[in-house]
């Protein structure tokens, strides 16, 4: 490993503190823990589908993977639970502005202030994801999942039915 890709002790300390904070004072709607007790850079997050949304009742599993440069660079977030949403890639990767590398957007869709800033925490990321899932009108302008975006525009009832089915399956899988 090159020196720049070696995790710094301060990064580990920051991640440990954020995990302890979420454990001591859980935020409604999600829980966080390590995938492996020996690796502070891989977190498992369980999001409870927000009430009064298509995702209500869902138990949605995700992974947060932190780079060695955290907090200067954002983590990656991926849903393990199958999802159908225009801002979540078919492989589960989450596409929201605060998870995009800092700086100007080469395509001009996002202002630099909307992108990753080192002041963001796991909590602010998760609140953004819960907000994404709570939106009645997901962003279909620059979709991560083109098929889900098309379905919203062309057959909203079919989109909602597919999401509800996945949410029901996520809840059933949680009890297996």
N, C-alpha and C. Protein backbone atom coordinates (compact mmCIF):
# COMPACT_ATOMS: atom_id res chain seq x y z
N UNK A 1 0.82 -1.19 0.00
CA UNK A 1 0.00 0.00 0.00
C UNK A 1 0.86 1.24 0.00
N UNK A 2 0.48 2.20 -0.81
CA UNK A 2 1.20 3.46 -0.78
C UNK A 2 0.83 4.21 0.48
N UNK A 3 1.65 5.16 0.82
CA UNK A 3 1.42 5.91 2.05
C UNK A 3 0.05 6.59 2.04
N UNK A 4 -0.39 7.10 0.89
CA UNK A 4 -1.66 7.84 0.82
C UNK A 4 -2.87 6.93 0.98
N UNK A 5 -2.75 5.63 0.70
CA UNK A 5 -3.92 4.76 0.82
C UNK A 5 -3.95 4.02 2.16
N UNK A 6 -2.97 4.28 3.02
CA UNK A 6 -2.97 3.65 4.34
C UNK A 6 -3.88 4.44 5.25
N UNK A 7 -4.86 3.78 5.88
CA UNK A 7 -5.76 4.51 6.78
C UNK A 7 -4.97 5.23 7.87
N UNK A 8 -5.33 6.44 8.14
CA UNK A 8 -4.69 7.23 9.17
C UNK A 8 -5.37 7.00 10.51
N UNK A 9 -4.62 6.99 11.61
CA UNK A 9 -5.23 6.77 12.93
C UNK A 9 -6.35 7.76 13.23
N UNK A 10 -6.21 9.02 12.77
CA UNK A 10 -7.26 10.00 13.04
C UNK A 10 -8.57 9.61 12.35
N UNK A 11 -8.47 8.99 11.16
CA UNK A 11 -9.67 8.53 10.45
C UNK A 11 -10.36 7.46 11.28
N UNK A 12 -9.58 6.52 11.80
CA UNK A 12 -10.14 5.45 12.62
C UNK A 12 -10.81 6.02 13.85
N UNK A 13 -10.17 7.00 14.45
CA UNK A 13 -10.71 7.62 15.65
C UNK A 13 -12.04 8.31 15.34
N UNK A 14 -12.08 9.02 14.22
CA UNK A 14 -13.30 9.71 13.81
C UNK A 14 -14.43 8.71 13.55
N UNK A 15 -14.13 7.63 12.84
CA UNK A 15 -15.15 6.62 12.54
C UNK A 15 -15.63 5.94 13.83
N UNK A 16 -14.70 5.62 14.72
CA UNK A 16 -15.07 4.98 15.99
C UNK A 16 -15.98 5.91 16.80
N UNK A 17 -15.65 7.20 16.81
CA UNK A 17 -16.46 8.17 17.55
C UNK A 17 -17.87 8.27 16.95
N UNK A 18 -17.96 8.31 15.60
CA UNK A 18 -19.28 8.40 14.96
C UNK A 18 -20.11 7.14 15.24
N UNK A 19 -19.48 5.98 15.23
CA UNK A 19 -20.19 4.74 15.53
C UNK A 19 -20.66 4.73 16.98
N UNK A 20 -19.80 5.14 17.90
CA UNK A 20 -20.19 5.19 19.32
C UNK A 20 -21.35 6.14 19.53
N UNK A 21 -21.31 7.28 18.85
CA UNK A 21 -22.38 8.27 18.97
C UNK A 21 -23.71 7.70 18.48
N UNK A 22 -23.68 7.00 17.35
CA UNK A 22 -24.92 6.40 16.82
C UNK A 22 -25.41 5.26 17.70
N UNK A 23 -24.49 4.58 18.38
CA UNK A 23 -24.88 3.49 19.27
C UNK A 23 -25.48 4.04 20.55
N UNK A 24 -24.85 5.10 21.09
CA UNK A 24 -25.34 5.71 22.33
C UNK A 24 -26.65 6.46 22.12
N UNK A 25 -26.72 7.20 21.01
CA UNK A 25 -27.89 8.01 20.71
C UNK A 25 -28.40 7.66 19.32
N UNK A 26 -29.11 6.54 19.21
CA UNK A 26 -29.58 6.12 17.88
C UNK A 26 -30.53 7.16 17.28
N UNK A 27 -30.45 7.27 15.98
CA UNK A 27 -31.34 8.16 15.24
C UNK A 27 -32.49 7.32 14.71
N UNK A 28 -33.69 7.83 14.88
CA UNK A 28 -34.87 7.08 14.44
C UNK A 28 -34.78 6.78 12.96
N UNK A 29 -35.03 5.52 12.61
CA UNK A 29 -35.10 5.14 11.20
C UNK A 29 -33.94 4.28 10.73
N UNK A 30 -32.88 4.18 11.53
CA UNK A 30 -31.78 3.32 11.10
C UNK A 30 -30.93 2.85 12.27
N UNK A 31 -30.19 1.79 12.03
CA UNK A 31 -29.20 1.33 13.00
C UNK A 31 -27.90 1.07 12.25
N UNK A 32 -26.78 1.21 12.97
CA UNK A 32 -25.47 1.07 12.35
C UNK A 32 -24.59 0.15 13.17
N UNK A 33 -23.76 -0.61 12.48
CA UNK A 33 -22.78 -1.46 13.14
C UNK A 33 -21.70 -1.83 12.14
N UNK A 34 -20.66 -2.46 12.64
CA UNK A 34 -19.56 -2.88 11.77
C UNK A 34 -19.89 -4.21 11.12
N UNK A 35 -19.47 -4.39 9.87
CA UNK A 35 -19.61 -5.67 9.20
C UNK A 35 -18.73 -6.70 9.91
N UNK A 36 -17.52 -6.25 10.26
CA UNK A 36 -16.54 -7.10 10.93
C UNK A 36 -15.92 -6.24 12.03
N UNK A 37 -15.87 -6.74 13.25
CA UNK A 37 -15.38 -5.95 14.38
C UNK A 37 -13.95 -5.44 14.20
N UNK A 38 -13.19 -6.05 13.31
CA UNK A 38 -11.80 -5.65 13.10
C UNK A 38 -11.63 -4.63 11.98
N UNK A 39 -12.73 -4.16 11.38
CA UNK A 39 -12.63 -3.25 10.25
C UNK A 39 -13.59 -2.07 10.42
N UNK A 40 -13.06 -0.93 10.84
CA UNK A 40 -13.88 0.27 11.02
C UNK A 40 -14.32 0.89 9.71
N UNK A 41 -13.79 0.41 8.58
CA UNK A 41 -14.07 1.04 7.29
C UNK A 41 -15.22 0.40 6.52
N UNK A 42 -15.84 -0.65 7.08
CA UNK A 42 -17.00 -1.29 6.45
C UNK A 42 -18.13 -1.36 7.49
N UNK A 43 -19.21 -0.63 7.23
CA UNK A 43 -20.35 -0.59 8.14
C UNK A 43 -21.56 -1.23 7.49
N UNK A 44 -22.35 -1.88 8.32
CA UNK A 44 -23.65 -2.37 7.88
C UNK A 44 -24.69 -1.44 8.49
N UNK A 45 -25.56 -0.94 7.66
CA UNK A 45 -26.61 -0.03 8.09
C UNK A 45 -27.94 -0.68 7.74
N UNK A 46 -28.86 -0.66 8.70
CA UNK A 46 -30.22 -1.13 8.43
C UNK A 46 -31.13 0.10 8.52
N UNK A 47 -31.83 0.35 7.42
CA UNK A 47 -32.77 1.47 7.36
C UNK A 47 -34.17 0.92 7.46
N UNK A 48 -34.93 1.48 8.37
CA UNK A 48 -36.36 1.12 8.50
C UNK A 48 -37.10 2.04 7.54
N UNK A 49 -37.88 1.44 6.63
CA UNK A 49 -38.61 2.23 5.64
C UNK A 49 -39.39 3.35 6.31
N UNK A 50 -39.19 4.60 5.85
CA UNK A 50 -39.85 5.74 6.48
C UNK A 50 -41.38 5.63 6.43
N UNK A 51 -42.05 6.01 7.53
CA UNK A 51 -43.52 5.96 7.56
C UNK A 51 -44.13 6.85 6.47
N UNK A 52 -45.30 6.46 6.03
CA UNK A 52 -46.06 7.22 5.03
C UNK A 52 -45.32 7.39 3.71
N UNK A 53 -44.48 6.39 3.36
CA UNK A 53 -43.80 6.39 2.07
C UNK A 53 -44.01 5.02 1.44
N UNK A 54 -43.58 4.87 0.19
CA UNK A 54 -43.64 3.56 -0.46
C UNK A 54 -42.78 2.53 0.27
N UNK A 55 -41.79 2.99 1.03
CA UNK A 55 -40.84 2.10 1.70
C UNK A 55 -41.25 1.74 3.12
N UNK A 56 -42.39 2.24 3.57
CA UNK A 56 -42.85 1.97 4.94
C UNK A 56 -42.93 0.47 5.19
N UNK A 57 -42.38 0.06 6.33
CA UNK A 57 -42.40 -1.35 6.69
C UNK A 57 -41.21 -2.14 6.15
N UNK A 58 -40.42 -1.52 5.30
CA UNK A 58 -39.26 -2.20 4.75
C UNK A 58 -38.11 -2.25 5.75
N UNK A 59 -37.31 -3.29 5.65
CA UNK A 59 -36.10 -3.41 6.44
C UNK A 59 -34.97 -3.52 5.42
N UNK A 60 -34.34 -2.39 5.17
CA UNK A 60 -33.44 -2.22 4.04
C UNK A 60 -31.99 -2.26 4.51
N UNK A 61 -31.25 -3.25 4.05
CA UNK A 61 -29.85 -3.41 4.46
C UNK A 61 -28.93 -2.72 3.47
N UNK A 62 -27.95 -2.01 4.01
CA UNK A 62 -26.98 -1.30 3.19
C UNK A 62 -25.57 -1.51 3.74
N UNK A 63 -24.61 -1.13 2.94
CA UNK A 63 -23.20 -1.11 3.36
C UNK A 63 -22.63 0.27 3.10
N UNK A 64 -21.87 0.75 4.05
CA UNK A 64 -21.11 1.98 3.88
C UNK A 64 -19.64 1.59 3.89
N UNK A 65 -18.92 1.94 2.84
CA UNK A 65 -17.50 1.63 2.72
C UNK A 65 -16.72 2.94 2.70
N UNK A 66 -15.89 3.12 3.71
CA UNK A 66 -15.14 4.36 3.87
C UNK A 66 -13.77 4.23 3.22
N UNK A 67 -13.35 5.26 2.46
CA UNK A 67 -12.02 5.23 1.86
C UNK A 67 -10.97 5.61 2.91
N UNK A 68 -9.72 5.27 2.66
CA UNK A 68 -8.66 5.67 3.60
C UNK A 68 -8.57 7.19 3.77
N UNK A 69 -9.03 7.95 2.76
CA UNK A 69 -8.96 9.41 2.81
C UNK A 69 -10.13 10.05 3.55
N UNK A 70 -11.04 9.23 4.10
CA UNK A 70 -12.17 9.78 4.85
C UNK A 70 -11.64 10.61 6.01
N UNK A 71 -12.15 11.78 6.31
CA UNK A 71 -13.36 12.41 5.80
C UNK A 71 -13.14 13.36 4.61
N UNK A 72 -11.94 13.38 4.04
CA UNK A 72 -11.72 14.26 2.89
C UNK A 72 -12.44 13.76 1.65
N UNK A 73 -12.64 12.44 1.57
CA UNK A 73 -13.39 11.83 0.47
C UNK A 73 -14.60 11.10 1.05
N UNK A 74 -15.69 11.01 0.30
CA UNK A 74 -16.91 10.40 0.82
C UNK A 74 -16.84 8.87 0.82
N UNK A 75 -17.66 8.26 1.69
CA UNK A 75 -17.80 6.81 1.61
C UNK A 75 -18.67 6.45 0.41
N UNK A 76 -18.72 5.17 0.10
CA UNK A 76 -19.65 4.64 -0.91
C UNK A 76 -20.76 3.94 -0.13
N UNK A 77 -21.96 4.06 -0.64
CA UNK A 77 -23.09 3.39 0.00
C UNK A 77 -23.78 2.50 -1.02
N UNK A 78 -24.08 1.27 -0.61
CA UNK A 78 -24.72 0.31 -1.50
C UNK A 78 -25.82 -0.43 -0.75
N UNK A 79 -26.99 -0.50 -1.36
CA UNK A 79 -28.07 -1.31 -0.79
C UNK A 79 -27.78 -2.77 -1.07
N UNK A 80 -27.86 -3.59 -0.04
CA UNK A 80 -27.78 -5.04 -0.17
C UNK A 80 -29.18 -5.56 -0.52
N UNK A 81 -30.17 -4.95 0.09
CA UNK A 81 -31.57 -5.26 -0.20
C UNK A 81 -31.87 -4.80 -1.63
N UNK A 82 -32.49 -5.64 -2.45
CA UNK A 82 -32.86 -5.20 -3.80
C UNK A 82 -33.76 -3.96 -3.75
N UNK A 83 -33.43 -2.97 -4.57
CA UNK A 83 -34.16 -1.71 -4.59
C UNK A 83 -34.57 -1.36 -6.01
N UNK A 84 -35.65 -0.59 -6.11
CA UNK A 84 -36.13 -0.08 -7.40
C UNK A 84 -36.38 1.41 -7.20
N UNK A 85 -35.41 2.21 -7.61
CA UNK A 85 -35.47 3.66 -7.39
C UNK A 85 -34.57 4.32 -8.44
N UNK A 86 -35.00 5.44 -9.00
CA UNK A 86 -34.19 6.08 -10.05
C UNK A 86 -32.83 6.58 -9.57
N UNK A 87 -32.64 6.78 -8.27
CA UNK A 87 -31.38 7.29 -7.75
C UNK A 87 -30.53 6.21 -7.08
N UNK A 88 -30.90 4.96 -7.32
CA UNK A 88 -30.12 3.82 -6.82
C UNK A 88 -29.83 2.93 -8.02
N UNK A 89 -28.54 2.75 -8.31
CA UNK A 89 -28.14 1.93 -9.45
C UNK A 89 -28.67 0.50 -9.30
N UNK A 90 -28.85 -0.22 -10.41
CA UNK A 90 -29.33 -1.61 -10.33
C UNK A 90 -28.47 -2.50 -9.41
N UNK A 91 -27.17 -2.18 -9.25
CA UNK A 91 -26.31 -2.97 -8.36
C UNK A 91 -26.45 -2.55 -6.89
N UNK A 92 -27.27 -1.52 -6.61
CA UNK A 92 -27.51 -1.07 -5.25
C UNK A 92 -26.75 0.18 -4.85
N UNK A 93 -25.80 0.64 -5.67
CA UNK A 93 -25.04 1.84 -5.32
C UNK A 93 -25.98 3.05 -5.26
N UNK A 94 -25.80 3.85 -4.21
CA UNK A 94 -26.64 5.03 -4.00
C UNK A 94 -26.02 6.23 -4.72
N UNK A 95 -26.86 6.96 -5.43
CA UNK A 95 -26.42 8.13 -6.17
C UNK A 95 -27.11 9.36 -5.59
N UNK A 96 -26.44 9.98 -4.60
CA UNK A 96 -26.93 11.25 -4.05
C UNK A 96 -25.74 12.21 -4.00
N UNK A 97 -26.04 13.48 -4.08
CA UNK A 97 -25.00 14.50 -4.20
C UNK A 97 -23.96 14.44 -3.10
N UNK A 98 -24.38 14.27 -1.84
CA UNK A 98 -23.38 14.34 -0.77
C UNK A 98 -22.42 13.16 -0.77
N UNK A 99 -22.69 12.14 -1.57
CA UNK A 99 -21.75 11.02 -1.69
C UNK A 99 -20.84 11.17 -2.92
N UNK A 100 -20.97 12.29 -3.62
CA UNK A 100 -20.11 12.55 -4.77
C UNK A 100 -18.88 13.32 -4.32
N UNK A 101 -17.73 12.99 -4.90
CA UNK A 101 -16.46 13.61 -4.52
C UNK A 101 -16.58 15.14 -4.52
N UNK A 102 -15.83 15.78 -3.63
CA UNK A 102 -15.90 17.24 -3.54
C UNK A 102 -15.47 17.91 -4.83
N UNK A 103 -15.92 19.14 -5.00
CA UNK A 103 -15.51 19.93 -6.17
C UNK A 103 -16.65 20.15 -7.13
N UNK A 104 -16.31 20.67 -8.28
CA UNK A 104 -17.31 20.97 -9.31
C UNK A 104 -17.75 19.69 -10.01
N UNK A 105 -19.02 19.64 -10.38
CA UNK A 105 -19.57 18.53 -11.15
C UNK A 105 -19.24 18.75 -12.62
N UNK A 106 -18.53 17.82 -13.22
CA UNK A 106 -18.12 17.99 -14.62
C UNK A 106 -19.31 18.06 -15.57
N UNK A 107 -20.47 17.56 -15.15
CA UNK A 107 -21.65 17.58 -16.02
C UNK A 107 -22.57 18.76 -15.72
N UNK A 108 -22.28 19.49 -14.66
CA UNK A 108 -23.05 20.68 -14.35
C UNK A 108 -24.39 20.44 -13.67
N UNK A 109 -24.65 19.23 -13.18
CA UNK A 109 -25.92 18.94 -12.51
C UNK A 109 -25.94 19.42 -11.06
N UNK A 110 -24.76 19.43 -10.42
CA UNK A 110 -24.71 19.73 -8.99
C UNK A 110 -23.79 20.91 -8.72
N UNK A 111 -24.18 21.70 -7.76
CA UNK A 111 -23.33 22.76 -7.27
C UNK A 111 -22.31 22.13 -6.32
N UNK A 112 -21.10 22.68 -6.26
CA UNK A 112 -20.05 22.13 -5.39
C UNK A 112 -20.53 22.05 -3.94
N UNK A 113 -21.38 22.97 -3.51
CA UNK A 113 -21.86 22.97 -2.12
C UNK A 113 -22.80 21.80 -1.82
N UNK A 114 -23.34 21.17 -2.87
CA UNK A 114 -24.24 20.02 -2.67
C UNK A 114 -23.47 18.71 -2.54
N UNK A 115 -22.21 18.72 -2.92
CA UNK A 115 -21.39 17.51 -2.95
C UNK A 115 -20.74 17.27 -1.58
N UNK A 116 -19.93 16.22 -1.50
CA UNK A 116 -19.29 15.84 -0.25
C UNK A 116 -18.48 16.98 0.36
N UNK A 117 -18.65 17.16 1.64
CA UNK A 117 -17.84 18.08 2.44
C UNK A 117 -17.39 17.31 3.67
N UNK A 118 -16.17 17.54 4.16
CA UNK A 118 -15.68 16.79 5.32
C UNK A 118 -16.53 16.97 6.59
N UNK A 119 -17.40 17.96 6.62
CA UNK A 119 -18.26 18.13 7.81
C UNK A 119 -19.39 17.11 7.84
N UNK A 120 -19.66 16.43 6.73
CA UNK A 120 -20.71 15.42 6.72
C UNK A 120 -20.31 14.25 7.60
N UNK A 121 -21.33 13.60 8.16
CA UNK A 121 -21.12 12.45 9.04
C UNK A 121 -21.98 11.31 8.52
N UNK A 122 -21.83 10.15 9.14
CA UNK A 122 -22.69 9.02 8.80
C UNK A 122 -24.15 9.42 9.00
N UNK A 123 -24.42 10.14 10.06
CA UNK A 123 -25.79 10.57 10.33
C UNK A 123 -26.34 11.45 9.22
N UNK A 124 -25.55 12.42 8.72
CA UNK A 124 -26.06 13.29 7.65
C UNK A 124 -26.27 12.50 6.36
N UNK A 125 -25.42 11.51 6.11
CA UNK A 125 -25.60 10.65 4.93
C UNK A 125 -26.91 9.90 5.03
N UNK A 126 -27.14 9.29 6.19
CA UNK A 126 -28.34 8.48 6.36
C UNK A 126 -29.61 9.32 6.34
N UNK A 127 -29.55 10.50 6.89
CA UNK A 127 -30.71 11.40 6.82
C UNK A 127 -30.99 11.75 5.37
N UNK A 128 -29.95 11.95 4.56
CA UNK A 128 -30.13 12.23 3.13
C UNK A 128 -30.75 11.04 2.41
N UNK A 129 -30.32 9.83 2.76
CA UNK A 129 -30.88 8.63 2.11
C UNK A 129 -32.34 8.44 2.53
N UNK A 130 -32.65 8.66 3.79
CA UNK A 130 -34.04 8.56 4.24
C UNK A 130 -34.89 9.61 3.53
N UNK A 131 -34.34 10.81 3.35
CA UNK A 131 -35.05 11.85 2.61
C UNK A 131 -35.28 11.43 1.17
N UNK A 132 -34.27 10.82 0.56
CA UNK A 132 -34.39 10.30 -0.81
C UNK A 132 -35.55 9.30 -0.91
N UNK A 133 -35.61 8.38 0.06
CA UNK A 133 -36.66 7.37 0.04
C UNK A 133 -38.03 7.95 0.38
N UNK A 134 -38.04 9.08 1.08
CA UNK A 134 -39.30 9.70 1.49
C UNK A 134 -39.92 10.59 0.43
N UNK A 135 -39.14 10.93 -0.58
CA UNK A 135 -39.61 11.86 -1.60
C UNK A 135 -40.74 11.24 -2.44
N UNK A 136 -41.80 12.01 -2.60
CA UNK A 136 -42.91 11.57 -3.46
C UNK A 136 -42.53 11.64 -4.93
N UNK A 137 -41.57 12.50 -5.25
CA UNK A 137 -41.16 12.68 -6.64
C UNK A 137 -39.65 12.51 -6.75
N UNK A 138 -39.18 11.28 -6.91
CA UNK A 138 -37.74 11.06 -7.05
C UNK A 138 -37.19 11.80 -8.27
N UNK A 139 -35.92 12.15 -8.20
CA UNK A 139 -35.25 12.85 -9.29
C UNK A 139 -35.07 11.89 -10.47
N UNK A 140 -35.71 12.20 -11.57
CA UNK A 140 -35.58 11.37 -12.76
C UNK A 140 -34.78 12.07 -13.86
N UNK A 141 -34.20 13.24 -13.55
CA UNK A 141 -33.48 14.01 -14.56
C UNK A 141 -32.15 13.38 -14.96
N UNK A 142 -31.39 12.89 -13.99
CA UNK A 142 -30.12 12.23 -14.29
C UNK A 142 -30.09 10.92 -13.50
N UNK A 143 -30.92 9.96 -13.93
CA UNK A 143 -31.12 8.76 -13.12
C UNK A 143 -29.92 7.81 -13.11
N UNK A 144 -29.77 7.15 -11.97
CA UNK A 144 -28.81 6.06 -11.84
C UNK A 144 -29.44 4.78 -12.39
N UNK A 145 -30.74 4.67 -12.22
CA UNK A 145 -31.49 3.53 -12.75
C UNK A 145 -32.47 4.07 -13.79
N UNK A 146 -32.07 4.03 -15.05
CA UNK A 146 -32.85 4.60 -16.14
C UNK A 146 -34.21 3.93 -16.26
N UNK A 147 -34.26 2.60 -16.07
CA UNK A 147 -35.53 1.88 -16.21
C UNK A 147 -36.53 2.30 -15.13
N UNK A 148 -36.05 2.49 -13.90
CA UNK A 148 -36.96 2.94 -12.84
C UNK A 148 -37.47 4.35 -13.14
N UNK A 149 -36.59 5.20 -13.65
CA UNK A 149 -37.00 6.57 -13.99
C UNK A 149 -38.05 6.56 -15.10
N UNK A 150 -37.83 5.74 -16.13
CA UNK A 150 -38.81 5.63 -17.23
C UNK A 150 -40.14 5.14 -16.70
N UNK A 151 -40.09 4.15 -15.80
CA UNK A 151 -41.34 3.60 -15.27
C UNK A 151 -42.11 4.65 -14.47
N UNK A 152 -41.41 5.49 -13.72
CA UNK A 152 -42.10 6.56 -12.98
C UNK A 152 -42.82 7.48 -13.95
N UNK A 153 -42.15 7.84 -15.04
CA UNK A 153 -42.75 8.76 -16.01
C UNK A 153 -43.88 8.12 -16.81
N UNK A 154 -43.74 6.83 -17.14
CA UNK A 154 -44.69 6.18 -18.05
C UNK A 154 -45.78 5.39 -17.36
N UNK A 155 -45.51 4.83 -16.17
CA UNK A 155 -46.49 3.98 -15.49
C UNK A 155 -46.23 4.00 -13.99
N UNK A 156 -46.62 5.11 -13.36
CA UNK A 156 -46.37 5.31 -11.94
C UNK A 156 -46.97 4.19 -11.09
N UNK A 157 -48.13 3.69 -11.47
CA UNK A 157 -48.78 2.61 -10.69
C UNK A 157 -47.91 1.36 -10.70
N UNK A 158 -47.33 1.02 -11.85
CA UNK A 158 -46.46 -0.16 -11.94
C UNK A 158 -45.19 0.04 -11.10
N UNK A 159 -44.65 1.27 -11.13
CA UNK A 159 -43.47 1.58 -10.32
C UNK A 159 -43.77 1.36 -8.84
N UNK A 160 -44.88 1.93 -8.38
CA UNK A 160 -45.26 1.81 -6.95
C UNK A 160 -45.48 0.35 -6.56
N UNK A 161 -46.11 -0.40 -7.45
CA UNK A 161 -46.37 -1.82 -7.17
C UNK A 161 -45.05 -2.59 -7.01
N UNK A 162 -44.09 -2.31 -7.90
CA UNK A 162 -42.80 -2.99 -7.84
C UNK A 162 -42.06 -2.64 -6.54
N UNK A 163 -42.08 -1.35 -6.16
CA UNK A 163 -41.42 -0.92 -4.92
C UNK A 163 -42.08 -1.60 -3.72
N UNK A 164 -43.40 -1.60 -3.67
CA UNK A 164 -44.10 -2.22 -2.52
C UNK A 164 -43.77 -3.71 -2.41
N UNK A 165 -43.66 -4.39 -3.55
CA UNK A 165 -43.33 -5.81 -3.54
C UNK A 165 -41.92 -6.03 -2.96
N UNK A 166 -40.96 -5.20 -3.38
CA UNK A 166 -39.60 -5.31 -2.86
C UNK A 166 -39.55 -5.00 -1.36
N UNK A 167 -40.34 -4.02 -0.93
CA UNK A 167 -40.40 -3.66 0.49
C UNK A 167 -40.97 -4.83 1.30
N UNK A 168 -42.03 -5.42 0.80
CA UNK A 168 -42.63 -6.58 1.48
C UNK A 168 -41.61 -7.72 1.58
N UNK A 169 -40.89 -7.97 0.48
CA UNK A 169 -39.87 -9.03 0.49
C UNK A 169 -38.75 -8.71 1.47
N UNK A 170 -38.39 -7.43 1.60
CA UNK A 170 -37.32 -7.05 2.54
C UNK A 170 -37.75 -7.32 3.98
N UNK A 171 -39.01 -7.05 4.28
CA UNK A 171 -39.51 -7.30 5.63
C UNK A 171 -39.56 -8.80 5.91
N UNK A 172 -40.02 -9.58 4.92
CA UNK A 172 -40.06 -11.04 5.09
C UNK A 172 -38.67 -11.61 5.25
N UNK A 173 -37.70 -11.12 4.47
CA UNK A 173 -36.32 -11.62 4.54
C UNK A 173 -35.69 -11.33 5.89
N UNK A 174 -36.09 -10.22 6.50
CA UNK A 174 -35.53 -9.85 7.81
C UNK A 174 -35.92 -10.86 8.89
N UNK A 175 -37.03 -11.54 8.68
CA UNK A 175 -37.51 -12.52 9.68
C UNK A 175 -37.01 -13.92 9.39
N UNK A 176 -36.39 -14.12 8.22
CA UNK A 176 -35.87 -15.45 7.87
C UNK A 176 -34.61 -15.78 8.64
